[in-house]
C-alpha atoms as a PDB file:
ATOM      1  CA  MET A   1     -90.186 -69.852  23.482  1.00  0.00           C
ATOM      2  CA  THR A   2     -87.063 -69.702  25.651  1.00  0.00           C
ATOM      3  CA  ARG A   3     -86.482 -68.429  29.149  1.00  0.00           C
ATOM      4  CA  ASP A   4     -83.097 -67.522  30.617  1.00  0.00           C
ATOM      5  CA  LEU A   5     -82.531 -68.116  34.322  1.00  0.00           C
ATOM      6  CA  THR A   6     -79.706 -67.788  36.797  1.00  0.00           C
ATOM      7  CA  CYS A   7     -79.711 -70.886  38.972  1.00  0.00           C
ATOM      8  CA  ILE A   8     -79.976 -70.086  42.694  1.00  0.00           C
ATOM      9  CA  VAL A   9     -79.472 -73.597  44.069  1.00  0.00           C
ATOM     10  CA  CYS A  10     -75.736 -73.236  44.731  1.00  0.00           C
ATOM     11  CA  PRO A  11     -73.117 -70.462  44.580  1.00  0.00           C
ATOM     12  CA  LYS A  12     -72.093 -71.293  40.983  1.00  0.00           C
ATOM     13  CA  GLY A  13     -75.053 -69.347  39.564  1.00  0.00           C
ATOM     14  CA  CYS A  14     -75.221 -71.280  36.309  1.00  0.00           C
ATOM     15  CA  GLN A  15     -76.828 -69.445  33.396  1.00  0.00           C
ATOM     16  CA  ILE A  16     -79.609 -71.770  32.316  1.00  0.00           C
ATOM     17  CA  THR A  17     -81.711 -71.627  29.170  1.00  0.00           C
ATOM     18  CA  VAL A  18     -85.071 -73.356  29.211  1.00  0.00           C
ATOM     19  CA  GLU A  19     -86.994 -74.091  26.028  1.00  0.00           C
ATOM     20  CA  LEU A  20     -90.773 -74.219  26.518  1.00  0.00           C
ATOM     21  CA  ASP A  21     -93.537 -75.306  24.189  1.00  0.00           C
ATOM     22  CA  GLU A  22     -96.675 -73.227  23.606  1.00  0.00           C
ATOM     23  CA  GLY A  23     -98.359 -74.882  26.604  1.00  0.00           C
ATOM     24  CA  LYS A  24     -95.403 -73.726  28.750  1.00  0.00           C
ATOM     25  CA  ARG A  25     -94.137 -77.270  29.236  1.00  0.00           C
ATOM     26  CA  VAL A  26     -90.369 -77.721  29.433  1.00  0.00           C
ATOM     27  CA  ILE A  27     -88.857 -79.178  26.262  1.00  0.00           C
ATOM     28  CA  SER A  28     -85.180 -78.812  27.154  1.00  0.00           C
ATOM     29  CA  VAL A  29     -82.840 -77.331  29.751  1.00  0.00           C
ATOM     30  CA  SER A  30     -79.253 -76.328  29.015  1.00  0.00           C
ATOM     31  CA  GLY A  31     -76.423 -74.557  30.827  1.00  0.00           C
ATOM     32  CA  HIS A  32     -76.756 -76.379  34.148  1.00  0.00           C
ATOM     33  CA  THR A  33     -73.760 -78.190  35.578  1.00  0.00           C
ATOM     34  CA  CYS A  34     -75.651 -80.466  37.951  1.00  0.00           C
ATOM     35  CA  LYS A  35     -78.964 -82.297  38.308  1.00  0.00           C
ATOM     36  CA  ARG A  36     -80.174 -79.746  40.900  1.00  0.00           C
ATOM     37  CA  GLY A  37     -79.898 -76.963  38.326  1.00  0.00           C
ATOM     38  CA  GLU A  38     -82.056 -78.891  35.892  1.00  0.00           C
ATOM     39  CA  GLU A  39     -84.641 -79.552  38.626  1.00  0.00           C
ATOM     40  CA  TYR A  40     -84.614 -75.866  39.624  1.00  0.00           C
ATOM     41  CA  ALA A  41     -85.193 -74.766  36.025  1.00  0.00           C
ATOM     42  CA  ASN A  42     -88.092 -77.191  35.562  1.00  0.00           C
ATOM     43  CA  THR A  43     -89.763 -76.113  38.801  1.00  0.00           C
ATOM     44  CA  GLU A  44     -89.155 -72.397  38.223  1.00  0.00           C
ATOM     45  CA  CYS A  45     -90.821 -72.552  34.819  1.00  0.00           C
ATOM     46  CA  THR A  46     -93.761 -74.792  35.718  1.00  0.00           C
ATOM     47  CA  ALA A  47     -94.563 -74.297  39.434  1.00  0.00           C
ATOM     48  CA  PRO A  48     -92.249 -71.771  41.111  1.00  0.00           C
ATOM     49  CA  ARG A  49     -91.768 -72.013  44.873  1.00  0.00           C
ATOM     50  CA  ARG A  50     -90.128 -69.749  47.444  1.00  0.00           C
ATOM     51  CA  THR A  51     -88.949 -69.750  51.046  1.00  0.00           C
ATOM     52  CA  ILE A  52     -90.450 -66.837  52.968  1.00  0.00           C
ATOM     53  CA  ASN A  53     -88.102 -64.887  55.271  1.00  0.00           C
ATOM     54  CA  THR A  54     -89.694 -62.117  57.327  1.00  0.00           C
ATOM     55  CA  THR A  55     -90.373 -61.044  60.911  1.00  0.00           C
ATOM     56  CA  VAL A  56     -93.151 -61.586  63.441  1.00  0.00           C
ATOM     57  CA  ALA A  57     -94.120 -59.183  66.213  1.00  0.00           C
ATOM     58  CA  VAL A  58     -93.128 -60.020  69.782  1.00  0.00           C
ATOM     59  CA  ALA A  59     -95.730 -59.402  72.489  1.00  0.00           C
ATOM     60  CA  GLY A  60     -94.593 -56.351  74.424  1.00  0.00           C
ATOM     61  CA  GLY A  61     -92.585 -54.920  71.537  1.00  0.00           C
ATOM     62  CA  GLY A  62     -89.993 -55.819  68.954  1.00  0.00           C
ATOM     63  CA  VAL A  63     -89.842 -58.438  66.248  1.00  0.00           C
ATOM     64  CA  VAL A  64     -88.222 -61.826  65.724  1.00  0.00           C
ATOM     65  CA  PRO A  65     -86.997 -63.202  62.380  1.00  0.00           C
ATOM     66  CA  VAL A  66     -88.915 -66.170  60.976  1.00  0.00           C
ATOM     67  CA  LYS A  67     -88.911 -68.309  57.841  1.00  0.00           C
ATOM     68  CA  THR A  68     -90.819 -71.139  56.275  1.00  0.00           C
ATOM     69  CA  ASP A  69     -89.159 -74.505  56.822  1.00  0.00           C
ATOM     70  CA  LYS A  70     -90.149 -75.572  53.287  1.00  0.00           C
ATOM     71  CA  THR A  71     -90.848 -73.697  50.115  1.00  0.00           C
ATOM     72  CA  VAL A  72     -94.368 -72.498  49.355  1.00  0.00           C
ATOM     73  CA  PRO A  73     -95.974 -71.893  45.962  1.00  0.00           C
ATOM     74  CA  LYS A  74     -94.949 -68.451  44.731  1.00  0.00           C
ATOM     75  CA  GLU A  75     -98.563 -67.482  44.043  1.00  0.00           C
ATOM     76  CA  LEU A  76     -99.394 -67.952  47.755  1.00  0.00           C
ATOM     77  CA  MET A  77     -96.645 -65.689  49.103  1.00  0.00           C
ATOM     78  CA  LEU A  78     -98.852 -62.622  49.634  1.00  0.00           C
ATOM     79  CA  ASP A  79    -101.591 -64.710  51.259  1.00  0.00           C
ATOM     80  CA  CYS A  80     -98.978 -66.298  53.533  1.00  0.00           C
ATOM     81  CA  MET A  81     -97.706 -62.850  54.485  1.00  0.00           C
ATOM     82  CA  THR A  82    -101.236 -61.796  55.467  1.00  0.00           C
ATOM     83  CA  VAL A  83    -101.365 -64.740  57.898  1.00  0.00           C
ATOM     84  CA  ILE A  84     -97.814 -64.165  59.156  1.00  0.00           C
ATOM     85  CA  ASN A  85     -98.457 -60.472  59.772  1.00  0.00           C
ATOM     86  CA  ARG A  86    -101.245 -61.380  62.234  1.00  0.00           C
ATOM     87  CA  ALA A  87     -99.000 -63.716  64.253  1.00  0.00           C
ATOM     88  CA  ARG A  88     -97.432 -62.821  67.614  1.00  0.00           C
ATOM     89  CA  VAL A  89     -94.867 -64.641  69.720  1.00  0.00           C
ATOM     90  CA  GLU A  90     -94.118 -64.402  73.427  1.00  0.00           C
ATOM     91  CA  ARG A  91     -90.813 -63.531  75.009  1.00  0.00           C
ATOM     92  CA  GLY A  92     -88.904 -66.714  75.791  1.00  0.00           C
ATOM     93  CA  THR A  93     -89.813 -68.377  72.489  1.00  0.00           C
ATOM     94  CA  PRO A  94     -86.807 -70.522  71.456  1.00  0.00           C
ATOM     95  CA  LEU A  95     -84.974 -70.725  68.154  1.00  0.00           C
ATOM     96  CA  GLY A  96     -86.782 -73.093  65.763  1.00  0.00           C
ATOM     97  CA  ALA A  97     -90.165 -72.788  67.468  1.00  0.00           C
ATOM     98  CA  VAL A  98     -93.158 -73.277  65.186  1.00  0.00           C
ATOM     99  CA  VAL A  99     -95.067 -69.989  65.027  1.00  0.00           C
ATOM    100  CA  ILE A 100     -97.592 -71.103  62.384  1.00  0.00           C
ATOM    101  CA  GLU A 101     -98.092 -74.768  61.560  1.00  0.00           C
ATOM    102  CA  ASN A 102     -98.831 -75.817  57.965  1.00  0.00           C
ATOM    103  CA  ILE A 103     -99.455 -72.289  56.715  1.00  0.00           C
ATOM    104  CA  LEU A 104    -102.335 -72.239  54.213  1.00  0.00           C
ATOM    105  CA  ASP A 105    -102.143 -76.041  53.896  1.00  0.00           C
ATOM    106  CA  THR A 106     -98.804 -75.805  52.078  1.00  0.00           C
ATOM    107  CA  GLY A 107     -97.043 -78.289  54.357  1.00  0.00           C
ATOM    108  CA  ALA A 108     -94.644 -75.531  55.446  1.00  0.00           C
ATOM    109  CA  ASN A 109     -94.314 -74.306  59.005  1.00  0.00           C
ATOM    110  CA  VAL A 110     -93.262 -70.776  59.926  1.00  0.00           C
ATOM    111  CA  ILE A 111     -90.431 -71.062  62.460  1.00  0.00           C
ATOM    112  CA  THR A 112     -88.323 -68.633  64.454  1.00  0.00           C
ATOM    113  CA  THR A 113     -84.726 -68.204  63.303  1.00  0.00           C
ATOM    114  CA  LYS A 114     -83.631 -66.571  66.551  1.00  0.00           C
ATOM    115  CA  SER A 115     -84.675 -67.034  70.153  1.00  0.00           C
ATOM    116  CA  VAL A 116     -86.805 -64.277  71.714  1.00  0.00           C
ATOM    117  CA  LYS A 117     -85.333 -62.854  74.906  1.00  0.00           C
END
């Protein structure tokens, strides 16, 4: 079985073809122009991960943009969003403040990407 991917690691957007065995293990990767593309293809086919970018409510009104500081397993994204949607921050929260530490034991923190005025 083969899987075609567009690499998202850098702006080149290499067209990568991954050959998988019946157990969905990677046999070969082609089309990448760097080691990061090969690593991306392996991870995407065996244990995909994502950075979450969203917003959190500000006490008193409004929202502030947040993101995870590390990738989280793709299958936990909806569960992470359930936790994030319950979070609130106060006015005066600075850029880079940890809103949720180690969300769902993934090792990723949810941090603000803008200060809250």
